[in-house]
């Protein structure tokens, strides 16, 4: 759970399952409040949790949708999620190691959620996933997707030699509380928008945040699939 939501106060197995899941419910409520403000209605049919990890957001989506599909690259994370999700819940888990979502047809979901996920995927793959997220949305469907854009450093400092090439190229390596390294990557906002628009989507809102850490400028995008 700490690997999925790296709150420093929760390192060392300090997350309690119910508290972890409540955090996910509160977060999903915030996203849907944002959709309400934008006047976006989402059909409660089928949702995708892309990069589900141990199921923090999967469980929250189950309160709003009749069916949920949850995708992750890690079998260990999926196993943990199965332990948190009620046994009779209408959720299907998928382990996916490819750069596509070929297990789903186009237009399959009314809602897609992916936060704190693409920041750990190299851009040559995350850009493909952005296009895939739009593809699997039904016309008029909505996605909420978070992607870091660029380091939160001034142009002057970036030009200095004390900033590593890795940071300049949008890569950092996290070593929090002695835990194993987690690589993190970014895709510039203008590139994210271009991919979404070129795939048949429309960016309805892009909110700047520091969800990827204070050393990154990150955006959470609200995307709507264009009607046919």
Protein backbone atom coordinates (compact mmCIF):
# COMPACT_ATOMS: atom_id res chain seq x y z
CA UNK A 1 0.00 0.00 0.00
CA UNK A 2 2.88 2.37 0.76
CA UNK A 3 4.36 1.74 -2.71
CA UNK A 4 1.06 2.83 -4.25
CA UNK A 5 0.57 5.88 -2.02
CA UNK A 6 3.91 7.00 -0.61
CA UNK A 7 2.84 9.11 2.35
CA UNK A 8 6.03 9.48 4.44
CA UNK A 9 4.00 9.06 7.62
CA UNK A 10 2.81 5.65 6.41
CA UNK A 11 6.18 4.12 5.60
CA UNK A 12 7.04 0.89 7.36
CA UNK A 13 3.63 -0.76 6.83
CA UNK A 14 1.73 1.93 8.71
CA UNK A 15 -1.19 2.06 6.29
CA UNK A 16 -4.34 0.52 7.74
CA UNK A 17 -6.51 -1.07 5.07
CA UNK A 18 -9.71 0.84 5.87
CA UNK A 19 -7.86 4.16 6.06
CA UNK A 20 -6.16 3.37 2.76
CA UNK A 21 -9.49 2.59 1.08
CA UNK A 22 -11.18 5.66 2.58
CA UNK A 23 -8.43 7.78 1.07
CA UNK A 24 -9.38 6.30 -2.30
CA UNK A 25 -13.09 6.98 -1.79
CA UNK A 26 -12.39 10.60 -0.83
CA UNK A 27 -10.17 11.05 -3.88
CA UNK A 28 -12.73 9.63 -6.29
CA UNK A 29 -15.41 11.84 -4.71
CA UNK A 30 -13.20 14.86 -5.44
CA UNK A 31 -12.83 13.83 -9.08
CA UNK A 32 -16.58 13.45 -9.53
CA UNK A 33 -17.19 16.80 -7.84
CA UNK A 34 -14.87 18.25 -10.46
CA UNK A 35 -16.86 16.54 -13.23
CA UNK A 36 -20.07 17.96 -11.78
CA UNK A 37 -18.60 21.47 -11.89
CA UNK A 38 -17.72 20.92 -15.54
CA UNK A 39 -21.25 19.70 -16.28
CA UNK A 40 -20.02 16.23 -17.30
CA UNK A 41 -22.32 13.28 -16.70
CA UNK A 42 -20.85 9.79 -16.64
CA UNK A 43 -22.96 6.72 -17.24
CA UNK A 44 -22.62 4.28 -14.29
CA UNK A 45 -22.04 1.33 -16.59
CA UNK A 46 -18.40 0.23 -16.80
CA UNK A 47 -15.19 1.80 -15.47
CA UNK A 48 -11.50 1.05 -15.94
CA UNK A 49 -8.92 1.51 -13.17
CA UNK A 50 -5.69 1.65 -15.15
CA UNK A 51 -2.71 0.91 -12.91
CA UNK A 52 -4.89 -0.34 -10.11
CA UNK A 53 -2.09 -1.27 -7.69
CA UNK A 54 -3.53 -2.79 -4.50
CA UNK A 55 -7.08 -1.62 -5.28
CA UNK A 56 -7.34 1.74 -3.49
CA UNK A 57 -9.33 3.36 -6.32
CA UNK A 58 -10.85 0.13 -7.63
CA UNK A 59 -12.90 -0.23 -4.46
CA UNK A 60 -14.05 3.38 -4.71
CA UNK A 61 -15.16 2.93 -8.32
CA UNK A 62 -17.25 -0.09 -7.35
CA UNK A 63 -19.57 2.23 -5.41
CA UNK A 64 -20.32 4.19 -8.61
CA UNK A 65 -20.27 1.66 -11.48
CA UNK A 66 -22.01 -1.60 -12.24
CA UNK A 67 -18.77 -3.19 -13.49
CA UNK A 68 -15.10 -2.35 -13.01
CA UNK A 69 -12.04 -3.66 -14.82
CA UNK A 70 -8.69 -3.18 -13.08
CA UNK A 71 -5.36 -3.41 -14.90
CA UNK A 72 -1.84 -3.59 -13.49
CA UNK A 73 1.55 -4.84 -14.60
CA UNK A 74 2.31 -6.41 -11.20
CA UNK A 75 0.81 -9.78 -10.20
CA UNK A 76 1.72 -9.01 -6.58
CA UNK A 77 -0.31 -5.78 -6.66
CA UNK A 78 -3.26 -7.58 -8.24
CA UNK A 79 -3.10 -10.27 -5.58
CA UNK A 80 -3.17 -7.58 -2.89
CA UNK A 81 -6.12 -5.89 -4.57
CA UNK A 82 -8.06 -9.15 -4.67
CA UNK A 83 -7.65 -9.30 -0.91
CA UNK A 84 -9.10 -5.82 -0.42
CA UNK A 85 -12.00 -6.04 -2.86
CA UNK A 86 -15.12 -7.92 -1.67
CA UNK A 87 -15.22 -11.44 -3.09
CA UNK A 88 -18.60 -10.91 -4.78
CA UNK A 89 -17.71 -7.49 -6.27
CA UNK A 90 -18.30 -7.06 -10.03
CA UNK A 91 -14.62 -6.47 -10.81
CA UNK A 92 -12.29 -8.22 -13.24
CA UNK A 93 -8.52 -7.98 -12.78
CA UNK A 94 -6.08 -8.08 -15.69
CA UNK A 95 -2.31 -8.35 -15.61
CA UNK A 96 -0.94 -6.49 -18.62
CA UNK A 97 2.71 -6.25 -19.63
CA UNK A 98 2.11 -4.83 -23.12
CA UNK A 99 2.05 -1.21 -24.27
CA UNK A 100 -1.60 -1.48 -25.31
CA UNK A 101 -5.02 -2.36 -23.92
CA UNK A 102 -5.85 -4.95 -26.54
CA UNK A 103 -7.99 -6.97 -24.12
CA UNK A 104 -10.65 -4.23 -24.43
CA UNK A 105 -12.55 -3.22 -27.57
CA UNK A 106 -12.87 0.40 -28.57
CA UNK A 107 -15.66 2.29 -26.82
CA UNK A 108 -15.85 -0.21 -23.96
CA UNK A 109 -15.84 2.13 -20.91
CA UNK A 110 -17.89 5.10 -19.79
CA UNK A 111 -15.10 6.12 -17.38
CA UNK A 112 -11.33 5.58 -17.07
CA UNK A 113 -9.22 6.58 -14.08
CA UNK A 114 -5.42 6.59 -13.96
CA UNK A 115 -3.50 8.56 -11.33
CA UNK A 116 0.00 8.05 -9.91
CA UNK A 117 0.58 5.50 -12.67
CA UNK A 118 1.93 6.95 -15.92
CA UNK A 119 4.63 8.79 -13.97
CA UNK A 120 6.34 5.41 -13.55
CA UNK A 121 6.07 4.46 -17.24
CA UNK A 122 8.71 5.53 -19.80
CA UNK A 123 7.27 8.05 -22.29
CA UNK A 124 7.59 5.70 -25.26
CA UNK A 125 4.94 3.58 -23.53
CA UNK A 126 2.94 6.17 -21.58
CA UNK A 127 2.20 8.11 -24.77
CA UNK A 128 0.77 4.94 -26.29
CA UNK A 129 -1.31 4.35 -23.18
CA UNK A 130 -2.76 7.87 -23.38
CA UNK A 131 -4.02 7.12 -26.88
CA UNK A 132 -5.34 3.74 -25.71
CA UNK A 133 -7.25 5.32 -22.83
CA UNK A 134 -9.09 7.52 -25.30
CA UNK A 135 -9.69 4.58 -27.64
CA UNK A 136 -11.40 2.43 -25.03
CA UNK A 137 -13.73 5.27 -23.94
CA UNK A 138 -17.22 5.27 -25.36
CA UNK A 139 -18.27 8.41 -27.26
CA UNK A 140 -18.97 11.05 -24.63
CA UNK A 141 -17.13 8.97 -22.00
CA UNK A 142 -14.78 10.63 -19.54
CA UNK A 143 -11.28 9.89 -18.26
CA UNK A 144 -9.32 11.41 -15.38
CA UNK A 145 -5.60 10.99 -15.99
CA UNK A 146 -2.61 12.37 -14.06
CA UNK A 147 0.78 12.88 -15.74
CA UNK A 148 3.85 14.87 -14.59
CA UNK A 149 4.80 17.52 -17.14
CA UNK A 150 8.24 18.84 -16.22
CA UNK A 151 10.57 19.41 -13.27
CA UNK A 152 9.55 22.26 -10.97
CA UNK A 153 12.86 24.03 -11.51
CA UNK A 154 13.67 27.40 -13.04
CA UNK A 155 15.10 27.56 -16.54
CA UNK A 156 18.25 29.11 -15.06
CA UNK A 157 18.85 26.21 -12.70
CA UNK A 158 18.08 23.66 -15.39
CA UNK A 159 20.83 25.21 -17.51
CA UNK A 160 23.41 24.85 -14.72
CA UNK A 161 25.72 21.87 -14.48
CA UNK A 162 24.55 20.95 -10.97
CA UNK A 163 21.26 19.63 -12.38
CA UNK A 164 21.73 16.10 -13.64
CA UNK A 165 20.89 15.10 -17.22
CA UNK A 166 18.33 12.68 -15.76
CA UNK A 167 16.36 15.56 -14.23
CA UNK A 168 16.65 17.62 -17.40
CA UNK A 169 15.24 14.68 -19.37
CA UNK A 170 12.27 14.25 -17.04
CA UNK A 171 13.50 11.30 -14.99
CA UNK A 172 14.00 11.02 -11.27
CA UNK A 173 14.81 8.11 -8.99
CA UNK A 174 12.99 8.02 -5.69
CA UNK A 175 14.71 6.60 -2.64
CA UNK A 176 12.22 7.26 0.11
CA UNK A 177 12.77 5.80 3.58
CA UNK A 178 15.36 3.37 2.26
CA UNK A 179 12.86 1.70 -0.06
CA UNK A 180 13.88 0.31 -3.49
CA UNK A 181 14.26 2.79 -6.33
CA UNK A 182 11.17 3.88 -8.29
CA UNK A 183 11.82 5.55 -11.62
CA UNK A 184 9.55 8.45 -12.53
CA UNK A 185 9.04 10.07 -15.90
CA UNK A 186 7.18 13.02 -17.41
CA UNK A 187 5.38 13.99 -20.60
CA UNK A 188 5.03 17.67 -21.38
CA UNK A 189 1.53 19.08 -21.10
CA UNK A 190 1.50 20.16 -24.74
CA UNK A 191 2.40 16.62 -25.81
CA UNK A 192 -0.32 15.08 -23.62
CA UNK A 193 -2.92 17.42 -25.11
CA UNK A 194 -1.74 16.68 -28.66
CA UNK A 195 -1.97 12.92 -28.11
CA UNK A 196 -5.44 13.16 -26.60
CA UNK A 197 -6.74 15.47 -29.29
CA UNK A 198 -5.18 13.33 -32.02
CA UNK A 199 -6.82 10.20 -30.61
CA UNK A 200 -10.35 11.56 -30.66
CA UNK A 201 -10.50 13.10 -27.21
CA UNK A 202 -10.90 16.58 -25.84
CA UNK A 203 -9.16 17.98 -22.77
CA UNK A 204 -11.93 19.61 -20.77
CA UNK A 205 -9.66 20.66 -17.90
CA UNK A 206 -6.00 20.36 -16.88
CA UNK A 207 -5.35 21.17 -13.22
CA UNK A 208 -1.77 21.73 -12.10
CA UNK A 209 -0.77 19.87 -8.95
CA UNK A 210 2.18 18.31 -7.18
CA UNK A 211 0.80 14.81 -6.89
CA UNK A 212 4.08 13.47 -8.29
CA UNK A 213 6.07 15.34 -5.64
CA UNK A 214 7.04 18.95 -5.07
CA UNK A 215 9.94 18.69 -7.48
CA UNK A 216 7.55 18.09 -10.39
CA UNK A 217 4.83 20.11 -12.07
CA UNK A 218 2.08 17.60 -12.69
CA UNK A 219 -1.37 17.89 -14.25
CA UNK A 220 -4.58 15.97 -13.72
CA UNK A 221 -6.50 15.99 -16.99
CA UNK A 222 -10.24 15.62 -17.47
CA UNK A 223 -10.71 14.09 -20.92
CA UNK A 224 -13.90 13.51 -22.84
CA UNK A 225 -14.19 11.28 -25.90
CA UNK A 226 -15.66 13.11 -28.85
CA UNK A 227 -19.09 12.03 -29.99
CA UNK A 228 -19.20 10.22 -33.30
